[in-house]
Every structure is written in structure tokens, then in C-alpha cells.
mmCIF file of all heavy atoms, coordinates in Angstrom:
data_MODEL
# 
_entry.id   MODEL 
# 
loop_
_atom_site.group_PDB 
_atom_site.id 
_atom_site.type_symbol 
_atom_site.label_atom_id 
_atom_site.label_alt_id 
_atom_site.label_comp_id 
_atom_site.label_asym_id 
_atom_site.label_entity_id 
_atom_site.label_seq_id 
_atom_site.pdbx_PDB_ins_code 
_atom_site.Cartn_x 
_atom_site.Cartn_y 
_atom_site.Cartn_z 
_atom_site.occupancy 
_atom_site.B_iso_or_equiv 
_atom_site.pdbx_formal_charge 
_atom_site.auth_seq_id 
_atom_site.auth_comp_id 
_atom_site.auth_asym_id 
_atom_site.auth_atom_id 
_atom_site.pdbx_PDB_model_num 
ATOM 1   N N   . VAL A 1 1  ? 23.459 73.243 64.850 1.00 0.00 ? 1  VAL A N   1 
ATOM 2   C CA  . VAL A 1 1  ? 22.604 74.025 65.743 1.00 0.00 ? 1  VAL A CA  1 
ATOM 3   C C   . VAL A 1 1  ? 22.278 73.240 67.019 1.00 0.00 ? 1  VAL A C   1 
ATOM 4   O O   . VAL A 1 1  ? 22.354 73.779 68.136 1.00 0.00 ? 1  VAL A O   1 
ATOM 5   C CB  . VAL A 1 1  ? 21.311 74.421 64.997 1.00 0.00 ? 1  VAL A CB  1 
ATOM 6   C CG1 . VAL A 1 1  ? 20.307 75.049 65.960 1.00 0.00 ? 1  VAL A CG1 1 
ATOM 7   C CG2 . VAL A 1 1  ? 21.636 75.382 63.861 1.00 0.00 ? 1  VAL A CG2 1 
ATOM 8   N N   . ILE A 1 2  ? 21.946 71.979 66.862 1.00 0.00 ? 2  ILE A N   1 
ATOM 9   C CA  . ILE A 1 2  ? 21.618 71.148 68.028 1.00 0.00 ? 2  ILE A CA  1 
ATOM 10  C C   . ILE A 1 2  ? 22.843 70.957 68.915 1.00 0.00 ? 2  ILE A C   1 
ATOM 11  O O   . ILE A 1 2  ? 22.777 71.123 70.143 1.00 0.00 ? 2  ILE A O   1 
ATOM 12  C CB  . ILE A 1 2  ? 21.061 69.785 67.579 1.00 0.00 ? 2  ILE A CB  1 
ATOM 13  C CG1 . ILE A 1 2  ? 19.745 69.960 66.822 1.00 0.00 ? 2  ILE A CG1 1 
ATOM 14  C CG2 . ILE A 1 2  ? 20.845 68.867 68.790 1.00 0.00 ? 2  ILE A CG2 1 
ATOM 15  C CD1 . ILE A 1 2  ? 19.204 68.682 66.201 1.00 0.00 ? 2  ILE A CD1 1 
ATOM 16  N N   . THR A 1 3  ? 23.969 70.624 68.306 1.00 0.00 ? 3  THR A N   1 
ATOM 17  C CA  . THR A 1 3  ? 25.164 70.331 69.105 1.00 0.00 ? 3  THR A CA  1 
ATOM 18  C C   . THR A 1 3  ? 25.730 71.589 69.765 1.00 0.00 ? 3  THR A C   1 
ATOM 19  O O   . THR A 1 3  ? 26.209 71.528 70.900 1.00 0.00 ? 3  THR A O   1 
ATOM 20  C CB  . THR A 1 3  ? 26.248 69.653 68.244 1.00 0.00 ? 3  THR A CB  1 
ATOM 21  O OG1 . THR A 1 3  ? 26.491 70.433 67.063 1.00 0.00 ? 3  THR A OG1 1 
ATOM 22  C CG2 . THR A 1 3  ? 25.805 68.263 67.823 1.00 0.00 ? 3  THR A CG2 1 
ATOM 23  N N   . LEU A 1 4  ? 25.673 72.734 69.083 1.00 0.00 ? 4  LEU A N   1 
ATOM 24  C CA  . LEU A 1 4  ? 26.146 73.974 69.709 1.00 0.00 ? 4  LEU A CA  1 
ATOM 25  C C   . LEU A 1 4  ? 25.230 74.377 70.857 1.00 0.00 ? 4  LEU A C   1 
ATOM 26  O O   . LEU A 1 4  ? 25.692 74.834 71.904 1.00 0.00 ? 4  LEU A O   1 
ATOM 27  C CB  . LEU A 1 4  ? 26.226 75.095 68.670 1.00 0.00 ? 4  LEU A CB  1 
ATOM 28  C CG  . LEU A 1 4  ? 26.629 76.473 69.212 1.00 0.00 ? 4  LEU A CG  1 
ATOM 29  C CD1 . LEU A 1 4  ? 27.928 76.406 70.012 1.00 0.00 ? 4  LEU A CD1 1 
ATOM 30  C CD2 . LEU A 1 4  ? 26.755 77.482 68.062 1.00 0.00 ? 4  LEU A CD2 1 
ATOM 31  N N   . THR A 1 5  ? 23.933 74.189 70.687 1.00 0.00 ? 5  THR A N   1 
ATOM 32  C CA  . THR A 1 5  ? 23.005 74.489 71.780 1.00 0.00 ? 5  THR A CA  1 
ATOM 33  C C   . THR A 1 5  ? 23.296 73.610 72.995 1.00 0.00 ? 5  THR A C   1 
ATOM 34  O O   . THR A 1 5  ? 23.316 74.098 74.139 1.00 0.00 ? 5  THR A O   1 
ATOM 35  C CB  . THR A 1 5  ? 21.551 74.268 71.323 1.00 0.00 ? 5  THR A CB  1 
ATOM 36  O OG1 . THR A 1 5  ? 21.264 75.140 70.231 1.00 0.00 ? 5  THR A OG1 1 
ATOM 37  C CG2 . THR A 1 5  ? 20.572 74.550 72.454 1.00 0.00 ? 5  THR A CG2 1 
ATOM 38  N N   . ALA A 1 6  ? 23.532 72.330 72.751 1.00 0.00 ? 6  ALA A N   1 
ATOM 39  C CA  . ALA A 1 6  ? 23.847 71.416 73.853 1.00 0.00 ? 6  ALA A CA  1 
ATOM 40  C C   . ALA A 1 6  ? 25.114 71.863 74.572 1.00 0.00 ? 6  ALA A C   1 
ATOM 41  O O   . ALA A 1 6  ? 25.171 71.891 75.816 1.00 0.00 ? 6  ALA A O   1 
ATOM 42  C CB  . ALA A 1 6  ? 24.008 69.994 73.320 1.00 0.00 ? 6  ALA A CB  1 
ATOM 43  N N   . ARG A 1 7  ? 26.141 72.216 73.805 1.00 0.00 ? 7  ARG A N   1 
ATOM 44  C CA  . ARG A 1 7  ? 27.397 72.649 74.417 1.00 0.00 ? 7  ARG A CA  1 
ATOM 45  C C   . ARG A 1 7  ? 27.204 73.938 75.213 1.00 0.00 ? 7  ARG A C   1 
ATOM 46  O O   . ARG A 1 7  ? 27.725 74.092 76.320 1.00 0.00 ? 7  ARG A O   1 
ATOM 47  C CB  . ARG A 1 7  ? 28.463 72.842 73.334 1.00 0.00 ? 7  ARG A CB  1 
ATOM 48  C CG  . ARG A 1 7  ? 29.837 73.216 73.877 1.00 0.00 ? 7  ARG A CG  1 
ATOM 49  C CD  . ARG A 1 7  ? 30.387 72.145 74.842 1.00 0.00 ? 7  ARG A CD  1 
ATOM 50  N NE  . ARG A 1 7  ? 31.712 72.473 75.307 1.00 0.00 ? 7  ARG A NE  1 
ATOM 51  C CZ  . ARG A 1 7  ? 32.840 72.076 74.694 1.00 0.00 ? 7  ARG A CZ  1 
ATOM 52  N NH1 . ARG A 1 7  ? 32.765 71.334 73.597 1.00 0.00 ? 7  ARG A NH1 1 
ATOM 53  N NH2 . ARG A 1 7  ? 34.011 72.414 75.173 1.00 0.00 ? 7  ARG A NH2 1 
ATOM 54  N N   . PHE A 1 8  ? 26.453 74.871 74.660 1.00 0.00 ? 8  PHE A N   1 
ATOM 55  C CA  . PHE A 1 8  ? 26.153 76.139 75.319 1.00 0.00 ? 8  PHE A CA  1 
ATOM 56  C C   . PHE A 1 8  ? 25.500 75.912 76.679 1.00 0.00 ? 8  PHE A C   1 
ATOM 57  O O   . PHE A 1 8  ? 25.891 76.508 77.696 1.00 0.00 ? 8  PHE A O   1 
ATOM 58  C CB  . PHE A 1 8  ? 25.240 76.956 74.407 1.00 0.00 ? 8  PHE A CB  1 
ATOM 59  C CG  . PHE A 1 8  ? 24.671 78.215 75.012 1.00 0.00 ? 8  PHE A CG  1 
ATOM 60  C CD1 . PHE A 1 8  ? 25.428 79.359 75.114 1.00 0.00 ? 8  PHE A CD1 1 
ATOM 61  C CD2 . PHE A 1 8  ? 23.345 78.252 75.432 1.00 0.00 ? 8  PHE A CD2 1 
ATOM 62  C CE1 . PHE A 1 8  ? 24.901 80.528 75.648 1.00 0.00 ? 8  PHE A CE1 1 
ATOM 63  C CE2 . PHE A 1 8  ? 22.796 79.398 75.964 1.00 0.00 ? 8  PHE A CE2 1 
ATOM 64  C CZ  . PHE A 1 8  ? 23.580 80.540 76.069 1.00 0.00 ? 8  PHE A CZ  1 
ATOM 65  N N   . LEU A 1 9  ? 24.505 75.030 76.722 1.00 0.00 ? 9  LEU A N   1 
ATOM 66  C CA  . LEU A 1 9  ? 23.796 74.771 77.975 1.00 0.00 ? 9  LEU A CA  1 
ATOM 67  C C   . LEU A 1 9  ? 24.643 73.970 78.959 1.00 0.00 ? 9  LEU A C   1 
ATOM 68  O O   . LEU A 1 9  ? 24.426 74.044 80.177 1.00 0.00 ? 9  LEU A O   1 
ATOM 69  C CB  . LEU A 1 9  ? 22.482 74.040 77.677 1.00 0.00 ? 9  LEU A CB  1 
ATOM 70  C CG  . LEU A 1 9  ? 21.460 74.852 76.875 1.00 0.00 ? 9  LEU A CG  1 
ATOM 71  C CD1 . LEU A 1 9  ? 20.252 74.005 76.532 1.00 0.00 ? 9  LEU A CD1 1 
ATOM 72  C CD2 . LEU A 1 9  ? 21.046 76.110 77.636 1.00 0.00 ? 9  LEU A CD2 1 
ATOM 73  N N   . GLN A 1 10 ? 25.614 73.223 78.452 1.00 0.00 ? 10 GLN A N   1 
ATOM 74  C CA  . GLN A 1 10 ? 26.544 72.525 79.335 1.00 0.00 ? 10 GLN A CA  1 
ATOM 75  C C   . GLN A 1 10 ? 27.560 73.490 79.940 1.00 0.00 ? 10 GLN A C   1 
ATOM 76  O O   . GLN A 1 10 ? 27.950 73.347 81.098 1.00 0.00 ? 10 GLN A O   1 
ATOM 77  C CB  . GLN A 1 10 ? 27.261 71.420 78.561 1.00 0.00 ? 10 GLN A CB  1 
ATOM 78  C CG  . GLN A 1 10 ? 26.361 70.251 78.189 1.00 0.00 ? 10 GLN A CG  1 
ATOM 79  C CD  . GLN A 1 10 ? 26.964 69.363 77.122 1.00 0.00 ? 10 GLN A CD  1 
ATOM 80  O OE1 . GLN A 1 10 ? 28.116 69.526 76.729 1.00 0.00 ? 10 GLN A OE1 1 
ATOM 81  N NE2 . GLN A 1 10 ? 26.172 68.424 76.614 1.00 0.00 ? 10 GLN A NE2 1 
ATOM 82  N N   . VAL A 1 11 ? 27.981 74.480 79.159 1.00 0.00 ? 11 VAL A N   1 
ATOM 83  C CA  . VAL A 1 11 ? 28.910 75.495 79.659 1.00 0.00 ? 11 VAL A CA  1 
ATOM 84  C C   . VAL A 1 11 ? 28.234 76.371 80.703 1.00 0.00 ? 11 VAL A C   1 
ATOM 85  O O   . VAL A 1 11 ? 28.847 76.804 81.675 1.00 0.00 ? 11 VAL A O   1 
ATOM 86  C CB  . VAL A 1 11 ? 29.450 76.356 78.495 1.00 0.00 ? 11 VAL A CB  1 
ATOM 87  C CG1 . VAL A 1 11 ? 30.253 77.548 79.016 1.00 0.00 ? 11 VAL A CG1 1 
ATOM 88  C CG2 . VAL A 1 11 ? 30.319 75.515 77.572 1.00 0.00 ? 11 VAL A CG2 1 
ATOM 89  N N   . PHE A 1 12 ? 26.944 76.623 80.502 1.00 0.00 ? 12 PHE A N   1 
ATOM 90  C CA  . PHE A 1 12 ? 26.162 77.439 81.444 1.00 0.00 ? 12 PHE A CA  1 
ATOM 91  C C   . PHE A 1 12 ? 25.016 76.589 81.994 1.00 0.00 ? 12 PHE A C   1 
ATOM 92  O O   . PHE A 1 12 ? 23.858 76.749 81.602 1.00 0.00 ? 12 PHE A O   1 
ATOM 93  C CB  . PHE A 1 12 ? 25.615 78.680 80.740 1.00 0.00 ? 12 PHE A CB  1 
ATOM 94  C CG  . PHE A 1 12 ? 26.673 79.570 80.162 1.00 0.00 ? 12 PHE A CG  1 
ATOM 95  C CD1 . PHE A 1 12 ? 26.945 79.552 78.805 1.00 0.00 ? 12 PHE A CD1 1 
ATOM 96  C CD2 . PHE A 1 12 ? 27.417 80.413 80.984 1.00 0.00 ? 12 PHE A CD2 1 
ATOM 97  C CE1 . PHE A 1 12 ? 27.914 80.365 78.264 1.00 0.00 ? 12 PHE A CE1 1 
ATOM 98  C CE2 . PHE A 1 12 ? 28.397 81.231 80.455 1.00 0.00 ? 12 PHE A CE2 1 
ATOM 99  C CZ  . PHE A 1 12 ? 28.664 81.210 79.093 1.00 0.00 ? 12 PHE A CZ  1 
ATOM 100 N N   . PRO A 1 13 ? 25.331 75.667 82.922 1.00 0.00 ? 13 PRO A N   1 
ATOM 101 C CA  . PRO A 1 13 ? 24.323 74.703 83.379 1.00 0.00 ? 13 PRO A CA  1 
ATOM 102 C C   . PRO A 1 13 ? 23.396 75.214 84.471 1.00 0.00 ? 13 PRO A C   1 
ATOM 103 O O   . PRO A 1 13 ? 22.369 74.614 84.739 1.00 0.00 ? 13 PRO A O   1 
ATOM 104 C CB  . PRO A 1 13 ? 25.178 73.553 83.914 1.00 0.00 ? 13 PRO A CB  1 
ATOM 105 C CG  . PRO A 1 13 ? 26.410 74.239 84.440 1.00 0.00 ? 13 PRO A CG  1 
ATOM 106 C CD  . PRO A 1 13 ? 26.658 75.383 83.497 1.00 0.00 ? 13 PRO A CD  1 
ATOM 107 N N   . SER A 1 14 ? 23.753 76.313 85.092 1.00 0.00 ? 14 SER A N   1 
ATOM 108 C CA  . SER A 1 14 ? 23.022 76.743 86.279 1.00 0.00 ? 14 SER A CA  1 
ATOM 109 C C   . SER A 1 14 ? 21.781 77.541 85.926 1.00 0.00 ? 14 SER A C   1 
ATOM 110 O O   . SER A 1 14 ? 21.818 78.457 85.097 1.00 0.00 ? 14 SER A O   1 
ATOM 111 C CB  . SER A 1 14 ? 23.928 77.597 87.176 1.00 0.00 ? 14 SER A CB  1 
ATOM 112 O OG  . SER A 1 14 ? 23.199 78.100 88.265 1.00 0.00 ? 14 SER A OG  1 
ATOM 113 N N   . SER A 1 15 ? 20.685 77.206 86.570 1.00 0.00 ? 15 SER A N   1 
ATOM 114 C CA  . SER A 1 15 ? 19.459 77.982 86.394 1.00 0.00 ? 15 SER A CA  1 
ATOM 115 C C   . SER A 1 15 ? 19.497 79.264 87.218 1.00 0.00 ? 15 SER A C   1 
ATOM 116 O O   . SER A 1 15 ? 18.555 80.055 87.190 1.00 0.00 ? 15 SER A O   1 
ATOM 117 C CB  . SER A 1 15 ? 18.239 77.140 86.791 1.00 0.00 ? 15 SER A CB  1 
ATOM 118 O OG  . SER A 1 15 ? 18.346 76.710 88.135 1.00 0.00 ? 15 SER A OG  1 
ATOM 119 N N   . ASP A 1 16 ? 20.598 79.481 87.953 1.00 0.00 ? 16 ASP A N   1 
ATOM 120 C CA  . ASP A 1 16 ? 20.742 80.706 88.732 1.00 0.00 ? 16 ASP A CA  1 
ATOM 121 C C   . ASP A 1 16 ? 20.978 81.912 87.824 1.00 0.00 ? 16 ASP A C   1 
ATOM 122 O O   . ASP A 1 16 ? 20.798 83.049 88.242 1.00 0.00 ? 16 ASP A O   1 
ATOM 123 C CB  . ASP A 1 16 ? 21.900 80.583 89.725 1.00 0.00 ? 16 ASP A CB  1 
ATOM 124 C CG  . ASP A 1 16 ? 21.622 79.571 90.819 1.00 0.00 ? 16 ASP A CG  1 
ATOM 125 O OD1 . ASP A 1 16 ? 20.435 79.290 91.058 1.00 0.00 ? 16 ASP A OD1 1 
ATOM 126 O OD2 . ASP A 1 16 ? 22.579 79.059 91.420 1.00 0.00 ? 16 ASP A OD2 1 
ATOM 127 N N   . MET A 1 17 ? 21.449 81.662 86.602 1.00 0.00 ? 17 MET A N   1 
ATOM 128 C CA  . MET A 1 17 ? 21.648 82.745 85.648 1.00 0.00 ? 17 MET A CA  1 
ATOM 129 C C   . MET A 1 17 ? 20.618 82.614 84.530 1.00 0.00 ? 17 MET A C   1 
ATOM 130 O O   . MET A 1 17 ? 20.061 81.540 84.295 1.00 0.00 ? 17 MET A O   1 
ATOM 131 C CB  . MET A 1 17 ? 23.064 82.699 85.062 1.00 0.00 ? 17 MET A CB  1 
ATOM 132 C CG  . MET A 1 17 ? 23.317 81.534 84.118 1.00 0.00 ? 17 MET A CG  1 
ATOM 133 S SD  . MET A 1 17 ? 25.018 81.472 83.478 1.00 0.00 ? 17 MET A SD  1 
ATOM 134 C CE  . MET A 1 17 ? 25.157 83.060 82.656 1.00 0.00 ? 17 MET A CE  1 
ATOM 135 N N   . THR A 1 18 ? 20.342 83.711 83.853 1.00 0.00 ? 18 THR A N   1 
ATOM 136 C CA  . THR A 1 18 ? 19.410 83.693 82.739 1.00 0.00 ? 18 THR A CA  1 
ATOM 137 C C   . THR A 1 18 ? 20.102 83.128 81.508 1.00 0.00 ? 18 THR A C   1 
ATOM 138 O O   . THR A 1 18 ? 21.219 83.514 81.174 1.00 0.00 ? 18 THR A O   1 
ATOM 139 C CB  . THR A 1 18 ? 18.912 85.117 82.433 1.00 0.00 ? 18 THR A CB  1 
ATOM 140 O OG1 . THR A 1 18 ? 18.363 85.688 83.624 1.00 0.00 ? 18 THR A OG1 1 
ATOM 141 C CG2 . THR A 1 18 ? 17.848 85.084 81.342 1.00 0.00 ? 18 THR A CG2 1 
ATOM 142 N N   . ARG A 1 19 ? 19.428 82.216 80.815 1.00 0.00 ? 19 ARG A N   1 
ATOM 143 C CA  . ARG A 1 19 ? 19.959 81.632 79.581 1.00 0.00 ? 19 ARG A CA  1 
ATOM 144 C C   . ARG A 1 19 ? 18.912 81.767 78.494 1.00 0.00 ? 19 ARG A C   1 
ATOM 145 O O   . ARG A 1 19 ? 17.751 81.408 78.691 1.00 0.00 ? 19 ARG A O   1 
ATOM 146 C CB  . ARG A 1 19 ? 20.339 80.166 79.800 1.00 0.00 ? 19 ARG A CB  1 
ATOM 147 C CG  . ARG A 1 19 ? 21.478 79.973 80.808 1.00 0.00 ? 19 ARG A CG  1 
ATOM 148 C CD  . ARG A 1 19 ? 21.667 78.521 81.172 1.00 0.00 ? 19 ARG A CD  1 
ATOM 149 N NE  . ARG A 1 19 ? 20.507 77.994 81.894 1.00 0.00 ? 19 ARG A NE  1 
ATOM 150 C CZ  . ARG A 1 19 ? 20.295 76.701 82.120 1.00 0.00 ? 19 ARG A CZ  1 
ATOM 151 N NH1 . ARG A 1 19 ? 21.140 75.800 81.669 1.00 0.00 ? 19 ARG A NH1 1 
ATOM 152 N NH2 . ARG A 1 19 ? 19.224 76.311 82.789 1.00 0.00 ? 19 ARG A NH2 1 
ATOM 153 N N   . THR A 1 20 ? 19.342 82.286 77.353 1.00 0.00 ? 20 THR A N   1 
ATOM 154 C CA  . THR A 1 20 ? 18.427 82.534 76.247 1.00 0.00 ? 20 THR A CA  1 
ATOM 155 C C   . THR A 1 20 ? 19.011 81.940 74.971 1.00 0.00 ? 20 THR A C   1 
ATOM 156 O O   . THR A 1 20 ? 20.187 82.148 74.665 1.00 0.00 ? 20 THR A O   1 
ATOM 157 C CB  . THR A 1 20 ? 18.214 84.053 76.036 1.00 0.00 ? 20 THR A CB  1 
ATOM 158 O OG1 . THR A 1 20 ? 17.793 84.648 77.267 1.00 0.00 ? 20 THR A OG1 1 
ATOM 159 C CG2 . THR A 1 20 ? 17.177 84.308 74.950 1.00 0.00 ? 20 THR A CG2 1 
ATOM 160 N N   . VAL A 1 21 ? 18.172 81.224 74.236 1.00 0.00 ? 21 VAL A N   1 
ATOM 161 C CA  . VAL A 1 21 ? 18.577 80.653 72.954 1.00 0.00 ? 21 VAL A CA  1 
ATOM 162 C C   . VAL A 1 21 ? 17.612 81.158 71.878 1.00 0.00 ? 21 VAL A C   1 
ATOM 163 O O   . VAL A 1 21 ? 16.396 81.010 72.008 1.00 0.00 ? 21 VAL A O   1 
ATOM 164 C CB  . VAL A 1 21 ? 18.570 79.114 72.982 1.00 0.00 ? 21 VAL A CB  1 
ATOM 165 C CG1 . VAL A 1 21 ? 19.000 78.559 71.614 1.00 0.00 ? 21 VAL A CG1 1 
ATOM 166 C CG2 . VAL A 1 21 ? 19.481 78.578 74.077 1.00 0.00 ? 21 VAL A CG2 1 
ATOM 167 N N   . VAL A 1 22 ? 18.176 81.770 70.832 1.00 0.00 ? 22 VAL A N   1 
ATOM 168 C CA  . VAL A 1 22 ? 17.364 82.318 69.743 1.00 0.00 ? 22 VAL A CA  1 
ATOM 169 C C   . VAL A 1 22 ? 17.710 81.604 68.444 1.00 0.00 ? 22 VAL A C   1 
ATOM 170 O O   . VAL A 1 22 ? 18.877 81.471 68.075 1.00 0.00 ? 22 VAL A O   1 
ATOM 171 C CB  . VAL A 1 22 ? 17.610 83.833 69.572 1.00 0.00 ? 22 VAL A CB  1 
ATOM 172 C CG1 . VAL A 1 22 ? 16.792 84.370 68.395 1.00 0.00 ? 22 VAL A CG1 1 
ATOM 173 C CG2 . VAL A 1 22 ? 17.255 84.578 70.849 1.00 0.00 ? 22 VAL A CG2 1 
ATOM 174 N N   . ASN A 1 23 ? 16.686 81.161 67.752 1.00 0.00 ? 23 ASN A N   1 
ATOM 175 C CA  . ASN A 1 23 ? 16.814 80.505 66.461 1.00 0.00 ? 23 ASN A CA  1 
ATOM 176 C C   . ASN A 1 23 ? 16.263 81.431 65.384 1.00 0.00 ? 23 ASN A C   1 
ATOM 177 O O   . ASN A 1 23 ? 15.100 81.815 65.429 1.00 0.00 ? 23 ASN A O   1 
ATOM 178 C CB  . ASN A 1 23 ? 16.011 79.188 66.488 1.00 0.00 ? 23 ASN A CB  1 
ATOM 179 C CG  . ASN A 1 23 ? 15.795 78.585 65.114 1.00 0.00 ? 23 ASN A CG  1 
ATOM 180 O OD1 . ASN A 1 23 ? 16.715 78.510 64.316 1.00 0.00 ? 23 ASN A OD1 1 
ATOM 181 N ND2 . ASN A 1 23 ? 14.569 78.151 64.856 1.00 0.00 ? 23 ASN A ND2 1 
ATOM 182 N N   . ILE A 1 24 ? 17.118 81.828 64.430 1.00 0.00 ? 24 ILE A N   1 
ATOM 183 C CA  . ILE A 1 24 ? 16.625 82.633 63.313 1.00 0.00 ? 24 ILE A CA  1 
ATOM 184 C C   . ILE A 1 24 ? 15.971 81.697 62.309 1.00 0.00 ? 24 ILE A C   1 
ATOM 185 O O   . ILE A 1 24 ? 16.617 80.817 61.749 1.00 0.00 ? 24 ILE A O   1 
ATOM 186 C CB  . ILE A 1 24 ? 17.760 83.442 62.658 1.00 0.00 ? 24 ILE A CB  1 
ATOM 187 C CG1 . ILE A 1 24 ? 18.406 84.377 63.692 1.00 0.00 ? 24 ILE A CG1 1 
ATOM 188 C CG2 . ILE A 1 24 ? 17.226 84.242 61.483 1.00 0.00 ? 24 ILE A CG2 1 
ATOM 189 C CD1 . ILE A 1 24 ? 17.451 85.369 64.340 1.00 0.00 ? 24 ILE A CD1 1 
ATOM 190 N N   . THR A 1 25 ? 14.686 81.906 62.095 1.00 0.00 ? 25 THR A N   1 
ATOM 191 C CA  . THR A 1 25 ? 13.906 80.973 61.285 1.00 0.00 ? 25 THR A CA  1 
ATOM 192 C C   . THR A 1 25 ? 13.266 81.694 60.101 1.00 0.00 ? 25 THR A C   1 
ATOM 193 O O   . THR A 1 25 ? 13.683 82.789 59.696 1.00 0.00 ? 25 THR A O   1 
ATOM 194 C CB  . THR A 1 25 ? 12.856 80.256 62.152 1.00 0.00 ? 25 THR A CB  1 
ATOM 195 O OG1 . THR A 1 25 ? 12.245 79.230 61.387 1.00 0.00 ? 25 THR A OG1 1 
ATOM 196 C CG2 . THR A 1 25 ? 11.799 81.213 62.678 1.00 0.00 ? 25 THR A CG2 1 
ATOM 197 N N   . SER A 1 26 ? 12.253 81.089 59.537 1.00 0.00 ? 26 SER A N   1 
ATOM 198 C CA  . SER A 1 26 ? 11.585 81.624 58.349 1.00 0.00 ? 26 SER A CA  1 
ATOM 199 C C   . SER A 1 26 ? 10.203 80.996 58.235 1.00 0.00 ? 26 SER A C   1 
ATOM 200 O O   . SER A 1 26 ? 9.977  79.883 58.716 1.00 0.00 ? 26 SER A O   1 
ATOM 201 C CB  . SER A 1 26 ? 12.411 81.300 57.095 1.00 0.00 ? 26 SER A CB  1 
ATOM 202 O OG  . SER A 1 26 ? 11.661 81.493 55.912 1.00 0.00 ? 26 SER A OG  1 
# 
């Protein structure tokens, strides 16, 4: 989860676009 999130934010680094990360928890 941590490493995929890091990769996701590296692929989409610009704050010019909206970026959303959702964690399914309990």
C-alpha cells in the first residue's frame, strides 16, 4: 500500500491536477 501510493504520486506529481487516495479500512 505504501509503495503503490508512492509510485502513484510519482506518476502524477503535479498539483495542477486533482489526486485522490482512498484507503479501505475497518
